[in-house]
C-alpha cells in the first residue's frame, strides 16, 4: 500500500499528542491535517473528506461520540474509517464507540507502532471499496465490474446505456451537497422507474461513476427505456432549480444536462471491461 495516497485527519485537543502524531505519520508518508475542536473536525471532513480520522473522545466543545455520529449520519462522510483514541477504558465506552460505527478503538497511553498498523489495516479494508453508491444505493465499483465481466462472457445480445448527468458539480457548488444529493437520488428513482416500466424485469442498473448511470438491457426494450428517460428526465432537470434561476438567460450553459451513450454487444469483441468502458467515452 502506498501511504502517500492517503490523507489522515487527527481530531485531538492535546496539542502535544496532535503534534507527535502529525510528525510521525508524515514521516510514514501520509498527508496529515489536524483539528483541535470537534466542530472544526466535522467541517474539515465535510469540505474535503479524508481517507481516515483519528478521533479523540474528550474534546473542548462536542465530544468524539458526537463527532462520529454526525460523520456517520452524513452521506458525504458516512464511510470514512474512524479510529477512536481515548483515555476511556471502560467496556461500555468501547461498545458505545463501536456502535457508532468506529473501525477501531485505542486507549491512551498507546503504542505508536500499534496505531500505525491499525491505521494501515483500516485503510486496507476501506480500499476494497463499497459495492453500492451511498446516495442512490445502486451497485457501483466492484459489483458493477463483476457484472460487466459476466456480460462479456455471455453469448446473449445486449445493449448498454450510459446515462450521464452533466454539470452536477456546478449545481453542487451553487446549492450545496445536501441539495445535489437529493437531486441525484431523485434522478436515480426516475431511471429505475423507466427501467421498471419499459424493461424486461431482468435489466441491470448501477453506476460507472457518481454521475454516470449504467443500464444493461436487451434490444427489444432499449428504445422504450431510452424514450422514457429522455422524456421524463429531460423535462424534469429544469425543475430541480428555483424558479428565479430557471429564467436566467446567462444560466443555460451551466444547467444540469442529460447525455446518453449506447453500446451494443455487436460493437465488440471487447477485450476486457476497460475496453467496454472506453467504448462509452467515444
Protein backbone atom coordinates (compact mmCIF):
# COMPACT_ATOMS: atom_id res chain seq x y z
CA UNK A 1 0.00 0.00 0.00
CA UNK A 2 1.29 3.46 -0.94
CA UNK A 3 0.83 5.63 2.16
CA UNK A 4 1.30 8.84 0.13
CA UNK A 5 -2.07 8.22 -1.45
CA UNK A 6 -3.85 8.57 1.89
CA UNK A 7 -4.80 11.60 3.93
CA UNK A 8 -5.42 11.46 7.67
CA UNK A 9 -7.39 13.88 9.83
CA UNK A 10 -6.38 13.92 13.50
CA UNK A 11 -9.02 15.46 15.80
CA UNK A 12 -7.19 15.91 19.10
CA UNK A 13 -7.22 18.80 21.58
CA UNK A 14 -3.95 17.82 23.28
CA UNK A 15 -1.50 19.85 21.19
CA UNK A 16 1.48 17.71 22.17
CA UNK A 17 -0.25 14.50 21.12
CA UNK A 18 -1.54 16.10 17.92
CA UNK A 19 1.93 17.34 17.00
CA UNK A 20 3.54 13.98 17.79
CA UNK A 21 1.01 12.08 15.65
CA UNK A 22 1.31 14.59 12.82
CA UNK A 23 5.10 14.34 12.73
CA UNK A 24 5.08 10.55 12.96
CA UNK A 25 2.53 9.90 10.21
CA UNK A 26 4.09 12.47 7.89
CA UNK A 27 7.39 10.61 8.18
CA UNK A 28 5.44 7.45 7.27
CA UNK A 29 4.38 9.15 4.05
CA UNK A 30 0.82 10.18 4.91
CA UNK A 31 -0.69 13.60 4.31
CA UNK A 32 -1.92 14.83 7.70
CA UNK A 33 -4.41 17.50 8.73
CA UNK A 34 -5.31 18.34 12.33
CA UNK A 35 -8.27 19.86 14.16
CA UNK A 36 -8.36 20.65 17.88
CA UNK A 37 -12.12 21.08 18.21
CA UNK A 38 -14.90 18.66 17.30
CA UNK A 39 -16.86 21.16 15.20
CA UNK A 40 -13.71 22.03 13.23
CA UNK A 41 -13.14 18.33 12.59
CA UNK A 42 -16.68 17.82 11.30
CA UNK A 43 -16.35 20.82 8.97
CA UNK A 44 -12.97 19.63 7.69
CA UNK A 45 -14.48 16.24 6.82
CA UNK A 46 -17.43 17.81 5.02
CA UNK A 47 -15.26 20.19 2.98
CA UNK A 48 -12.69 17.60 1.94
CA UNK A 49 -13.27 14.08 3.28
CA UNK A 50 -10.03 12.43 4.48
CA UNK A 51 -9.23 8.76 3.99
CA UNK A 52 -9.28 8.14 7.77
CA UNK A 53 -9.99 10.00 11.01
CA UNK A 54 -8.10 9.51 14.27
CA UNK A 55 -10.55 10.88 16.83
CA UNK A 56 -10.12 11.74 20.49
CA UNK A 57 -13.27 11.38 22.59
CA UNK A 58 -12.63 14.21 25.06
CA UNK A 59 -12.77 17.45 23.09
CA UNK A 60 -13.41 21.05 24.24
CA UNK A 61 -16.77 21.53 22.53
CA UNK A 62 -18.59 18.40 21.36
CA UNK A 63 -17.21 15.00 22.30
CA UNK A 64 -15.84 12.41 19.91
CA UNK A 65 -19.02 10.35 20.06
CA UNK A 66 -21.00 13.32 18.71
CA UNK A 67 -18.39 13.87 16.01
CA UNK A 68 -18.61 10.23 14.94
CA UNK A 69 -22.41 10.30 14.98
CA UNK A 70 -22.51 13.35 12.73
CA UNK A 71 -19.97 11.90 10.32
CA UNK A 72 -21.91 8.64 10.09
CA UNK A 73 -25.24 10.43 9.53
CA UNK A 74 -23.95 12.44 6.54
CA UNK A 75 -23.78 10.69 3.17
CA UNK A 76 -20.59 12.50 2.21
CA UNK A 77 -18.70 11.35 5.31
CA UNK A 78 -20.53 8.17 6.34
CA UNK A 79 -17.88 5.75 5.09
CA UNK A 80 -14.74 7.43 6.41
CA UNK A 81 -12.88 4.97 8.69
CA UNK A 82 -12.72 6.24 12.29
CA UNK A 83 -10.23 5.16 14.94
CA UNK A 84 -11.07 6.37 18.45
CA UNK A 85 -8.09 7.45 20.54
CA UNK A 86 -9.07 7.96 24.17
CA UNK A 87 -8.33 7.62 27.87
CA UNK A 88 -11.71 5.94 28.43
CA UNK A 89 -11.07 2.26 29.19
CA UNK A 90 -14.49 1.01 30.27
CA UNK A 91 -16.06 -1.70 28.17
CA UNK A 92 -19.24 0.41 27.90
CA UNK A 93 -17.26 3.28 26.38
CA UNK A 94 -15.68 0.95 23.84
CA UNK A 95 -19.05 -0.55 22.91
CA UNK A 96 -20.54 2.92 22.54
CA UNK A 97 -17.81 3.84 20.06
CA UNK A 98 -18.20 0.64 18.07
CA UNK A 99 -21.99 1.04 17.93
CA UNK A 100 -21.43 4.43 16.32
CA UNK A 101 -19.52 2.70 13.54
CA UNK A 102 -15.94 3.22 14.69
CA UNK A 103 -13.47 0.95 12.91
CA UNK A 104 -11.15 0.67 15.90
CA UNK A 105 -10.64 1.89 19.46
CA UNK A 106 -7.25 2.54 21.12
CA UNK A 107 -6.72 3.70 24.70
CA UNK A 108 -4.06 6.11 25.95
CA UNK A 109 -1.21 5.69 26.55
CA UNK A 110 -0.83 3.87 23.26
CA UNK A 111 1.89 2.18 21.25
CA UNK A 112 2.53 4.32 18.18
CA UNK A 113 3.56 1.26 16.15
CA UNK A 114 0.31 -0.46 17.02
CA UNK A 115 -1.63 2.65 15.97
CA UNK A 116 0.27 2.73 12.66
CA UNK A 117 -0.70 -0.88 11.97
CA UNK A 118 -4.32 -0.25 12.88
CA UNK A 119 -4.40 2.75 10.56
CA UNK A 120 -2.88 0.67 7.76
CA UNK A 121 -5.38 -2.15 8.29
CA UNK A 122 -8.38 0.20 8.39
CA UNK A 123 -7.25 1.84 5.15
CA UNK A 124 -6.72 -1.56 3.56
CA UNK A 125 -10.26 -2.63 4.49
CA UNK A 126 -11.64 0.64 3.13
CA UNK A 127 -9.66 0.28 -0.12
CA UNK A 128 -11.78 -2.73 -1.08
CA UNK A 129 -14.42 -0.13 -1.79
CA UNK A 130 -18.17 -0.03 -1.38
CA UNK A 131 -20.43 -2.09 -3.63
CA UNK A 132 -23.33 0.36 -3.54
CA UNK A 133 -23.47 4.11 -4.03
CA UNK A 134 -24.09 5.86 -0.67
CA UNK A 135 -26.62 8.29 -2.17
CA UNK A 136 -28.63 6.13 -4.59
CA UNK A 137 -27.88 2.69 -3.07
CA UNK A 138 -27.37 1.35 -6.60
CA UNK A 139 -24.49 -1.04 -7.36
CA UNK A 140 -21.11 0.50 -8.13
CA UNK A 141 -17.42 -0.34 -8.07
CA UNK A 142 -16.51 -4.00 -7.77
CA UNK A 143 -20.12 -5.16 -8.10
CA UNK A 144 -20.55 -3.40 -11.45
CA UNK A 145 -17.19 -4.69 -12.68
CA UNK A 146 -18.23 -8.22 -11.80
CA UNK A 147 -21.47 -7.82 -13.74
CA UNK A 148 -19.60 -6.44 -16.77
CA UNK A 149 -17.23 -9.41 -16.77
CA UNK A 150 -20.19 -11.77 -16.78
CA UNK A 151 -21.74 -9.72 -19.57
CA UNK A 152 -18.64 -10.05 -21.77
CA UNK A 153 -18.67 -13.82 -21.26
CA UNK A 154 -22.35 -14.02 -22.14
CA UNK A 155 -23.40 -15.14 -25.61
CA UNK A 156 -26.67 -13.24 -25.42
CA UNK A 157 -27.25 -9.98 -27.27
CA UNK A 158 -27.31 -6.90 -25.05
CA UNK A 159 -27.32 -3.11 -25.16
CA UNK A 160 -25.74 -0.86 -22.54
CA UNK A 161 -26.95 2.69 -21.97
CA UNK A 162 -24.67 5.11 -20.12
CA UNK A 163 -26.83 7.93 -18.77
CA UNK A 164 -24.60 10.83 -17.71
CA UNK A 165 -25.80 13.79 -15.66
CA UNK A 166 -23.68 16.76 -16.68
CA UNK A 167 -22.90 19.92 -14.68
CA UNK A 168 -23.80 18.39 -11.32
CA UNK A 169 -20.55 19.79 -9.87
CA UNK A 170 -21.65 23.33 -10.78
CA UNK A 171 -25.07 22.60 -9.27
CA UNK A 172 -23.42 21.35 -6.05
CA UNK A 173 -21.23 24.45 -5.77
CA UNK A 174 -24.27 26.71 -6.05
CA UNK A 175 -26.83 24.83 -3.94
CA UNK A 176 -24.76 22.62 -1.63
CA UNK A 177 -24.12 18.92 -1.07
CA UNK A 178 -27.45 18.11 0.55
CA UNK A 179 -29.47 19.51 -2.36
CA UNK A 180 -27.26 17.90 -5.00
CA UNK A 181 -27.55 14.53 -3.25
CA UNK A 182 -31.34 14.93 -3.23
CA UNK A 183 -31.24 15.59 -6.97
CA UNK A 184 -29.05 12.55 -7.63
CA UNK A 185 -31.39 10.41 -5.55
CA UNK A 186 -34.42 11.69 -7.47
CA UNK A 187 -32.73 11.04 -10.82
CA UNK A 188 -31.91 7.52 -9.67
CA UNK A 189 -35.56 6.83 -8.83
CA UNK A 190 -36.69 8.16 -12.20
CA UNK A 191 -34.21 5.94 -14.04
CA UNK A 192 -35.26 2.91 -12.03
CA UNK A 193 -38.92 3.62 -12.79
CA UNK A 194 -38.16 3.93 -16.51
CA UNK A 195 -36.38 0.57 -16.47
CA UNK A 196 -39.16 -0.99 -14.42
CA UNK A 197 -41.88 0.32 -16.74
CA UNK A 198 -40.25 -0.46 -20.09
CA UNK A 199 -37.66 -3.12 -19.34
CA UNK A 200 -37.69 -6.90 -19.25
CA UNK A 201 -37.57 -7.31 -15.49
CA UNK A 202 -34.07 -8.75 -15.80
CA UNK A 203 -32.28 -5.49 -16.58
CA UNK A 204 -29.33 -4.12 -14.62
CA UNK A 205 -28.85 -0.57 -13.36
CA UNK A 206 -25.83 0.74 -11.47
CA UNK A 207 -23.08 3.38 -11.50
CA UNK A 208 -19.90 3.67 -13.52
CA UNK A 209 -19.24 6.95 -11.69
CA UNK A 210 -21.27 9.01 -9.26
CA UNK A 211 -22.99 10.92 -12.08
CA UNK A 212 -22.86 8.11 -14.68
CA UNK A 213 -25.66 5.53 -14.56
CA UNK A 214 -25.27 2.25 -16.41
CA UNK A 215 -28.32 0.38 -17.72
CA UNK A 216 -27.95 -3.05 -19.31
CA UNK A 217 -30.93 -4.34 -21.25
CA UNK A 218 -31.83 -6.28 -24.40
CA UNK A 219 -32.55 -4.82 -27.87
CA UNK A 220 -36.37 -5.18 -27.77
CA UNK A 221 -36.57 -2.92 -24.70
CA UNK A 222 -33.87 -0.35 -25.44
CA UNK A 223 -35.87 2.23 -27.39
CA UNK A 224 -38.72 2.28 -24.88
CA UNK A 225 -36.36 2.72 -21.92
CA UNK A 226 -34.41 5.43 -23.68
CA UNK A 227 -37.56 7.28 -24.76
CA UNK A 228 -38.89 7.32 -21.18
CA UNK A 229 -35.58 8.60 -19.84
CA UNK A 230 -35.26 11.36 -22.43
CA UNK A 231 -38.87 12.45 -21.99
CA UNK A 232 -39.31 12.23 -18.24
CA UNK A 233 -35.84 13.08 -17.00
CA UNK A 234 -35.13 15.60 -19.75
CA UNK A 235 -38.23 17.57 -18.77
CA UNK A 236 -37.54 17.28 -15.04
CA UNK A 237 -33.99 18.66 -14.90
CA UNK A 238 -35.04 22.32 -15.02
CA UNK A 239 -37.43 21.82 -12.10
CA UNK A 240 -34.56 20.98 -9.76
CA UNK A 241 -33.75 24.71 -9.87
CA UNK A 242 -35.56 27.55 -8.10
CA UNK A 243 -37.81 29.49 -10.47
CA UNK A 244 -35.61 32.59 -10.24
CA UNK A 245 -32.70 30.64 -11.75
CA UNK A 246 -34.71 28.78 -14.38
CA UNK A 247 -35.43 32.00 -16.23
CA UNK A 248 -31.93 33.48 -16.14
CA UNK A 249 -30.52 33.79 -19.65
CA UNK A 250 -26.90 33.51 -18.52
CA UNK A 251 -27.54 30.28 -16.65
CA UNK A 252 -28.30 27.94 -19.54
CA UNK A 253 -24.83 26.56 -20.34
CA UNK A 254 -24.23 25.60 -16.69
CA UNK A 255 -27.53 23.86 -16.06
CA UNK A 256 -27.95 20.16 -15.50
CA UNK A 257 -27.98 18.28 -18.78
CA UNK A 258 -28.54 14.72 -19.93
CA UNK A 259 -26.25 12.67 -22.17
CA UNK A 260 -26.94 9.09 -23.22
CA UNK A 261 -24.33 6.86 -24.85
CA UNK A 262 -25.27 3.48 -26.29
CA UNK A 263 -23.04 0.45 -26.76
CA UNK A 264 -24.24 -2.74 -28.46
CA UNK A 265 -22.76 -6.19 -27.97
CA UNK A 266 -22.16 -6.27 -31.72
CA UNK A 267 -19.72 -3.34 -31.34
CA UNK A 268 -17.24 -5.81 -29.85
CA UNK A 269 -15.48 -8.02 -29.32
CA UNK A 270 -14.26 -6.24 -26.19
CA UNK A 271 -11.00 -7.50 -24.73
CA UNK A 272 -11.96 -6.69 -21.14
CA UNK A 273 -14.22 -4.45 -19.08
CA UNK A 274 -11.85 -1.49 -19.53
CA UNK A 275 -12.24 -1.63 -23.29
CA UNK A 276 -16.00 -1.77 -22.78
CA UNK A 277 -15.87 1.29 -20.54
CA UNK A 278 -13.71 3.08 -23.13
CA UNK A 279 -16.45 2.48 -25.68
CA UNK A 280 -18.78 4.67 -23.60
CA UNK A 281 -16.36 7.59 -23.81
CA UNK A 282 -16.16 7.63 -27.60
